[in-house]
Every structure is written in structure tokens, then in C-alpha cells.
Amino acid sequence: IQLSSTHMVANVADDDVLNARMLAGAGGPLAAELDPAYSTFRFTGETTEVSDGGTWAKIVLSDANVQLVNDPEEYQLPWGWVNAFYMEPLTE
């Protein structure tokens, strides 16, 4: 996977989480729950449109503290899909 940029969670209330899904779309199996303060995931550059009109982005979860719902396959980085509305580039 070629990683294009580092992003952070956006547009999520402080008392909520951003769900990363194993498949793009709100009905996909849950992969991880990202705290709104979580800011170290990498966007792979891959996006897809789903039937409800939303754009979903494939991300790699690079922080060991993120709560994964399912274990990643051996020798693979944990990854998932998030609605692109809830992410923004991390500025340096």
C-alpha cells in the first residue's frame, strides 16, 4: 500500500467516535473506533463512492492505541474505510 498523506478525525463530537469499516459504507463490518482526538491515520489515496452518495476513503491505522474490533491479518497493517466527510489532512 502506498500511503499518500496523514489525516486526522474531523466533524465528530467529543463524546462520539468515528467508525472505521472493513468495507466502504455505513453497513460495512466495524474494523475500529477512532476517538475524535485520534490524529495519526494514513490515507492510502483510494476512495470509492457508495450508493447513498457518500465518498469513503481507505485508511491505514498507524497508532497502536486505536481500538481495533477485529485483528488484522498477520503481517498486514490494520486498515479500514471511513466516510471522507470525517477526515481532514493533518497540517504540519
C-alpha atoms as a PDB file:
ATOM      1  CA  ILE A   1       0.000   0.000   0.000  1.00  0.00           C
ATOM      2  CA  GLN A   2       1.383   3.383  -0.944  1.00  0.00           C
ATOM      3  CA  LEU A   3       0.443   5.929   1.701  1.00  0.00           C
ATOM      4  CA  SER A   4      -0.369   9.384   0.419  1.00  0.00           C
ATOM      5  CA  SER A   5      -0.855  11.579   3.490  1.00  0.00           C
ATOM      6  CA  THR A   6      -1.510  11.740   7.209  1.00  0.00           C
ATOM      7  CA  HIS A   7      -5.018  12.716   8.263  1.00  0.00           C
ATOM      8  CA  MET A   8      -6.974  13.367  11.435  1.00  0.00           C
ATOM      9  CA  VAL A   9     -10.558  12.858  12.550  1.00  0.00           C
ATOM     10  CA  ALA A  10     -12.832  15.863  11.830  1.00  0.00           C
ATOM     11  CA  ASN A  11     -16.503  16.745  12.295  1.00  0.00           C
ATOM     12  CA  VAL A  12     -17.003  14.226  15.148  1.00  0.00           C
ATOM     13  CA  ALA A  13     -18.350  15.320  18.544  1.00  0.00           C
ATOM     14  CA  ASP A  14     -16.004  14.999  21.522  1.00  0.00           C
ATOM     15  CA  ASP A  15     -18.224  12.336  23.105  1.00  0.00           C
ATOM     16  CA  ASP A  16     -18.540  10.231  19.926  1.00  0.00           C
ATOM     17  CA  VAL A  17     -16.249   8.024  17.814  1.00  0.00           C
ATOM     18  CA  LEU A  18     -15.521   7.678  14.111  1.00  0.00           C
ATOM     19  CA  ASN A  19     -16.207   4.142  12.904  1.00  0.00           C
ATOM     20  CA  ALA A  20     -13.681   2.658  10.505  1.00  0.00           C
ATOM     21  CA  ARG A  21     -15.326  -0.111   8.493  1.00  0.00           C
ATOM     22  CA  MET A  22     -13.901  -3.179   6.760  1.00  0.00           C
ATOM     23  CA  LEU A  23     -15.984  -2.366   3.672  1.00  0.00           C
ATOM     24  CA  ALA A  24     -16.870   1.088   2.381  1.00  0.00           C
ATOM     25  CA  GLY A  25     -20.315   2.211   3.516  1.00  0.00           C
ATOM     26  CA  ALA A  26     -22.196   2.638   6.766  1.00  0.00           C
ATOM     27  CA  GLY A  27     -23.325  -1.002   6.721  1.00  0.00           C
ATOM     28  CA  GLY A  28     -19.812  -2.466   6.458  1.00  0.00           C
ATOM     29  CA  PRO A  29     -18.442  -4.563   9.331  1.00  0.00           C
ATOM     30  CA  LEU A  30     -16.778  -2.468  12.027  1.00  0.00           C
ATOM     31  CA  ALA A  31     -12.950  -2.521  11.972  1.00  0.00           C
ATOM     32  CA  ALA A  32     -12.101   0.124  14.598  1.00  0.00           C
ATOM     33  CA  GLU A  33     -13.456   3.014  16.615  1.00  0.00           C
ATOM     34  CA  LEU A  34     -11.428   6.218  16.368  1.00  0.00           C
ATOM     35  CA  ASP A  35     -11.532   8.796  19.133  1.00  0.00           C
ATOM     36  CA  PRO A  36     -12.068  12.364  17.837  1.00  0.00           C
ATOM     37  CA  ALA A  37      -8.642  13.281  19.207  1.00  0.00           C
ATOM     38  CA  TYR A  38      -7.014  10.435  17.225  1.00  0.00           C
ATOM     39  CA  SER A  39      -4.826  12.031  14.594  1.00  0.00           C
ATOM     40  CA  THR A  40      -2.404   9.500  13.169  1.00  0.00           C
ATOM     41  CA  PHE A  41      -4.036   7.576  10.406  1.00  0.00           C
ATOM     42  CA  ARG A  42      -2.728   7.482   6.879  1.00  0.00           C
ATOM     43  CA  PHE A  43      -4.898   7.933   3.815  1.00  0.00           C
ATOM     44  CA  THR A  44      -3.967   5.469   1.060  1.00  0.00           C
ATOM     45  CA  GLY A  45      -5.300   7.706  -1.698  1.00  0.00           C
ATOM     46  CA  GLU A  46      -8.027   5.194  -2.563  1.00  0.00           C
ATOM     47  CA  THR A  47     -11.640   6.383  -2.462  1.00  0.00           C
ATOM     48  CA  THR A  48     -14.939   4.907  -3.530  1.00  0.00           C
ATOM     49  CA  GLU A  49     -18.460   6.221  -3.933  1.00  0.00           C
ATOM     50  CA  VAL A  50     -21.260   4.275  -2.226  1.00  0.00           C
ATOM     51  CA  SER A  51     -24.906   4.066  -3.208  1.00  0.00           C
ATOM     52  CA  ASP A  52     -26.028   6.722  -0.693  1.00  0.00           C
ATOM     53  CA  GLY A  53     -23.764   9.231  -2.458  1.00  0.00           C
ATOM     54  CA  GLY A  54     -21.052   9.308   0.199  1.00  0.00           C
ATOM     55  CA  THR A  55     -17.342   9.146  -0.558  1.00  0.00           C
ATOM     56  CA  TRP A  56     -15.361   6.663   1.525  1.00  0.00           C
ATOM     57  CA  ALA A  57     -11.583   6.700   1.936  1.00  0.00           C
ATOM     58  CA  LYS A  58      -9.297   3.757   2.654  1.00  0.00           C
ATOM     59  CA  ILE A  59      -7.014   4.413   5.630  1.00  0.00           C
ATOM     60  CA  VAL A  60      -4.225   2.638   7.499  1.00  0.00           C
ATOM     61  CA  LEU A  61      -4.449   2.830  11.270  1.00  0.00           C
ATOM     62  CA  SER A  62      -0.911   3.595  12.411  1.00  0.00           C
ATOM     63  CA  ASP A  63      -1.409   4.227  16.135  1.00  0.00           C
ATOM     64  CA  ALA A  64      -1.048   1.182  18.380  1.00  0.00           C
ATOM     65  CA  ASN A  65      -3.575   2.696  20.825  1.00  0.00           C
ATOM     66  CA  VAL A  66      -6.524   2.590  18.409  1.00  0.00           C
ATOM     67  CA  GLN A  67      -9.226   0.146  19.460  1.00  0.00           C
ATOM     68  CA  LEU A  68      -9.371  -2.468  16.714  1.00  0.00           C
ATOM     69  CA  VAL A  69     -12.562  -4.503  16.644  1.00  0.00           C
ATOM     70  CA  ASN A  70     -11.047  -7.273  14.512  1.00  0.00           C
ATOM     71  CA  ASP A  71      -7.419  -8.395  14.454  1.00  0.00           C
ATOM     72  CA  PRO A  72      -5.608  -7.602  11.202  1.00  0.00           C
ATOM     73  CA  GLU A  73      -4.240 -10.432   9.129  1.00  0.00           C
ATOM     74  CA  GLU A  74      -0.721 -11.419  10.142  1.00  0.00           C
ATOM     75  CA  TYR A  75       1.936  -9.181   8.519  1.00  0.00           C
ATOM     76  CA  GLN A  76      -0.587  -6.569   7.403  1.00  0.00           C
ATOM     77  CA  LEU A  77      -1.173  -3.085   8.720  1.00  0.00           C
ATOM     78  CA  PRO A  78      -4.683  -2.664  10.109  1.00  0.00           C
ATOM     79  CA  TRP A  79      -6.794  -0.729   7.626  1.00  0.00           C
ATOM     80  CA  GLY A  80     -10.362   0.333   7.133  1.00  0.00           C
ATOM     81  CA  TRP A  81     -12.723   2.710   5.357  1.00  0.00           C
ATOM     82  CA  VAL A  82     -14.068   5.982   6.749  1.00  0.00           C
ATOM     83  CA  ASN A  83     -16.516   8.476   5.324  1.00  0.00           C
ATOM     84  CA  ALA A  84     -14.333  11.217   3.819  1.00  0.00           C
ATOM     85  CA  PHE A  85     -16.523  13.892   5.473  1.00  0.00           C
ATOM     86  CA  TYR A  86     -14.982  12.886   8.811  1.00  0.00           C
ATOM     87  CA  MET A  87     -11.306  13.322   7.916  1.00  0.00           C
ATOM     88  CA  GLU A  88      -9.012  16.183   7.049  1.00  0.00           C
ATOM     89  CA  PRO A  89      -5.308  16.467   6.271  1.00  0.00           C
ATOM     90  CA  LEU A  90      -3.030  16.865   9.256  1.00  0.00           C
ATOM     91  CA  THR A  91      -1.080  20.084   8.769  1.00  0.00           C
ATOM     92  CA  GLU A  92       2.479  20.352   9.961  1.00  0.00           C
END
